[in-house]
């Protein structure tokens, strides 16, 4: 099991929590909640080791488009980069049912 941590600067405030996905073969779970700072912190727990650069690239791409302040926990069971991006977008969409605001 590998634990990775990332931090990204942000300009938008998340106003609601969200939970999407399940930890299962080839999938992942994302828990997203508001952060009080001007950053997003992501903790990835994965059983697939050696992919820190891939995780970094996927997360950098996501936060370049959606710079929302959040604490994000990702529990991975071998999801592909496409699934990671899809689940992050779903988590943000669920949280945006309430919305986010510029800081």
C-alpha atoms as a PDB file:
ATOM      1  CA  UNK A   1       0.000   0.000   0.000  1.00  0.00           C
ATOM      2  CA  UNK A   2       1.378   3.389  -0.995  1.00  0.00           C
ATOM      3  CA  UNK A   3       0.246   6.749   0.415  1.00  0.00           C
ATOM      4  CA  UNK A   4       0.841   9.846  -1.734  1.00  0.00           C
ATOM      5  CA  UNK A   5       0.195  13.467  -0.792  1.00  0.00           C
ATOM      6  CA  UNK A   6      -0.187  16.444  -3.118  1.00  0.00           C
ATOM      7  CA  UNK A   7      -1.023  20.138  -2.658  1.00  0.00           C
ATOM      8  CA  UNK A   8      -2.256  22.625  -5.275  1.00  0.00           C
ATOM      9  CA  UNK A   9      -2.949  26.389  -5.098  1.00  0.00           C
ATOM     10  CA  UNK A  10      -6.608  27.361  -5.566  1.00  0.00           C
ATOM     11  CA  UNK A  11      -8.862  30.392  -6.003  1.00  0.00           C
ATOM     12  CA  UNK A  12     -12.368  28.938  -5.516  1.00  0.00           C
ATOM     13  CA  UNK A  13     -14.030  27.812  -2.319  1.00  0.00           C
ATOM     14  CA  UNK A  14     -15.903  24.512  -2.172  1.00  0.00           C
ATOM     15  CA  UNK A  15     -19.119  24.831  -0.161  1.00  0.00           C
ATOM     16  CA  UNK A  16     -20.212  21.216   0.199  1.00  0.00           C
ATOM     17  CA  UNK A  17     -18.916  17.682   0.800  1.00  0.00           C
ATOM     18  CA  UNK A  18     -19.177  14.819  -1.666  1.00  0.00           C
ATOM     19  CA  UNK A  19     -18.501  11.088  -1.819  1.00  0.00           C
ATOM     20  CA  UNK A  20     -18.382   9.142  -5.083  1.00  0.00           C
ATOM     21  CA  UNK A  21     -17.209   5.749  -6.270  1.00  0.00           C
ATOM     22  CA  UNK A  22     -16.398   2.548  -4.438  1.00  0.00           C
ATOM     23  CA  UNK A  23     -13.152   0.807  -3.681  1.00  0.00           C
ATOM     24  CA  UNK A  24     -13.294  -2.252  -5.895  1.00  0.00           C
ATOM     25  CA  UNK A  25     -11.416  -3.919  -8.697  1.00  0.00           C
ATOM     26  CA  UNK A  26     -10.282  -1.240 -11.141  1.00  0.00           C
ATOM     27  CA  UNK A  27     -12.140   1.574  -9.400  1.00  0.00           C
ATOM     28  CA  UNK A  28     -11.677   4.127  -6.649  1.00  0.00           C
ATOM     29  CA  UNK A  29     -13.495   6.140  -4.015  1.00  0.00           C
ATOM     30  CA  UNK A  30     -13.212   9.908  -3.614  1.00  0.00           C
ATOM     31  CA  UNK A  31     -14.162  11.876  -0.520  1.00  0.00           C
ATOM     32  CA  UNK A  32     -14.108  15.656  -1.065  1.00  0.00           C
ATOM     33  CA  UNK A  33     -14.740  18.333   1.551  1.00  0.00           C
ATOM     34  CA  UNK A  34     -14.151  22.078   1.834  1.00  0.00           C
ATOM     35  CA  UNK A  35     -10.745  23.370   2.909  1.00  0.00           C
ATOM     36  CA  UNK A  36     -10.213  26.607   4.804  1.00  0.00           C
ATOM     37  CA  UNK A  37      -6.987  27.497   3.002  1.00  0.00           C
ATOM     38  CA  UNK A  38      -6.223  28.685  -0.507  1.00  0.00           C
ATOM     39  CA  UNK A  39      -5.084  25.228  -1.540  1.00  0.00           C
ATOM     40  CA  UNK A  40      -6.306  21.734  -2.281  1.00  0.00           C
ATOM     41  CA  UNK A  41      -4.715  18.838  -0.452  1.00  0.00           C
ATOM     42  CA  UNK A  42      -5.019  15.366  -1.943  1.00  0.00           C
ATOM     43  CA  UNK A  43      -4.169  12.133  -0.161  1.00  0.00           C
ATOM     44  CA  UNK A  44      -4.060   9.036  -2.341  1.00  0.00           C
ATOM     45  CA  UNK A  45      -4.039   5.552  -0.836  1.00  0.00           C
ATOM     46  CA  UNK A  46      -3.306   2.984  -3.503  1.00  0.00           C
ATOM     47  CA  UNK A  47      -2.364  -0.660  -3.693  1.00  0.00           C
ATOM     48  CA  UNK A  48      -0.562  -0.016  -6.981  1.00  0.00           C
ATOM     49  CA  UNK A  49       2.917   1.309  -6.231  1.00  0.00           C
ATOM     50  CA  UNK A  50       5.310   3.269  -8.445  1.00  0.00           C
ATOM     51  CA  UNK A  51       2.833   5.608 -10.130  1.00  0.00           C
ATOM     52  CA  UNK A  52       3.462   8.895  -8.279  1.00  0.00           C
ATOM     53  CA  UNK A  53       4.352  10.750 -11.508  1.00  0.00           C
ATOM     54  CA  UNK A  54       1.153   9.545 -13.182  1.00  0.00           C
ATOM     55  CA  UNK A  55      -0.958  10.599 -10.190  1.00  0.00           C
ATOM     56  CA  UNK A  56       0.773  13.981 -10.164  1.00  0.00           C
ATOM     57  CA  UNK A  57       0.075  14.563 -13.864  1.00  0.00           C
ATOM     58  CA  UNK A  58      -3.606  13.582 -13.583  1.00  0.00           C
ATOM     59  CA  UNK A  59      -4.145  15.783 -10.519  1.00  0.00           C
ATOM     60  CA  UNK A  60      -2.244  18.754 -11.992  1.00  0.00           C
ATOM     61  CA  UNK A  61      -4.450  18.590 -15.084  1.00  0.00           C
ATOM     62  CA  UNK A  62      -7.616  18.464 -12.962  1.00  0.00           C
ATOM     63  CA  UNK A  63      -6.629  21.398 -10.749  1.00  0.00           C
ATOM     64  CA  UNK A  64      -5.524  23.500 -13.719  1.00  0.00           C
ATOM     65  CA  UNK A  65      -9.189  23.400 -14.796  1.00  0.00           C
ATOM     66  CA  UNK A  66     -10.925  23.248 -11.385  1.00  0.00           C
ATOM     67  CA  UNK A  67      -8.891  25.150  -8.803  1.00  0.00           C
ATOM     68  CA  UNK A  68     -11.207  24.506  -5.880  1.00  0.00           C
ATOM     69  CA  UNK A  69     -10.046  24.539  -2.235  1.00  0.00           C
ATOM     70  CA  UNK A  70     -10.701  21.057  -0.892  1.00  0.00           C
ATOM     71  CA  UNK A  71      -9.417  18.225   1.214  1.00  0.00           C
ATOM     72  CA  UNK A  72      -9.596  15.154  -1.003  1.00  0.00           C
ATOM     73  CA  UNK A  73      -9.049  11.543  -0.030  1.00  0.00           C
ATOM     74  CA  UNK A  74      -8.714   8.994  -2.798  1.00  0.00           C
ATOM     75  CA  UNK A  75      -8.827   5.279  -2.051  1.00  0.00           C
ATOM     76  CA  UNK A  76      -7.617   3.500  -5.187  1.00  0.00           C
ATOM     77  CA  UNK A  77      -7.838  -0.103  -6.302  1.00  0.00           C
ATOM     78  CA  UNK A  78      -6.003   0.105  -9.639  1.00  0.00           C
ATOM     79  CA  UNK A  79      -8.103   2.707 -11.452  1.00  0.00           C
ATOM     80  CA  UNK A  80      -6.857   4.057 -14.776  1.00  0.00           C
ATOM     81  CA  UNK A  81      -6.094   7.787 -15.220  1.00  0.00           C
ATOM     82  CA  UNK A  82      -9.367   8.155 -17.153  1.00  0.00           C
ATOM     83  CA  UNK A  83     -11.381   6.724 -14.268  1.00  0.00           C
ATOM     84  CA  UNK A  84      -9.552   8.992 -11.797  1.00  0.00           C
ATOM     85  CA  UNK A  85     -10.439  12.064 -13.877  1.00  0.00           C
ATOM     86  CA  UNK A  86     -14.052  10.916 -14.224  1.00  0.00           C
ATOM     87  CA  UNK A  87     -14.454  10.327 -10.485  1.00  0.00           C
ATOM     88  CA  UNK A  88     -12.849  13.684  -9.602  1.00  0.00           C
ATOM     89  CA  UNK A  89     -15.265  15.423 -11.974  1.00  0.00           C
ATOM     90  CA  UNK A  90     -18.187  13.511 -10.471  1.00  0.00           C
ATOM     91  CA  UNK A  91     -17.143  14.445  -6.922  1.00  0.00           C
ATOM     92  CA  UNK A  92     -16.907  18.109  -7.913  1.00  0.00           C
ATOM     93  CA  UNK A  93     -20.292  17.963  -9.645  1.00  0.00           C
ATOM     94  CA  UNK A  94     -21.925  16.459  -6.542  1.00  0.00           C
ATOM     95  CA  UNK A  95     -20.327  19.125  -4.335  1.00  0.00           C
ATOM     96  CA  UNK A  96     -21.404  21.817  -6.796  1.00  0.00           C
ATOM     97  CA  UNK A  97     -25.043  20.941  -6.300  1.00  0.00           C
ATOM     98  CA  UNK A  98     -24.595  23.425  -3.456  1.00  0.00           C
ATOM     99  CA  UNK A  99     -21.893  25.347  -5.312  1.00  0.00           C
ATOM    100  CA  UNK A 100     -18.534  27.014  -4.899  1.00  0.00           C
ATOM    101  CA  UNK A 101     -17.581  30.637  -4.764  1.00  0.00           C
ATOM    102  CA  UNK A 102     -14.582  32.760  -5.672  1.00  0.00           C
ATOM    103  CA  UNK A 103     -12.486  33.711  -2.670  1.00  0.00           C
END
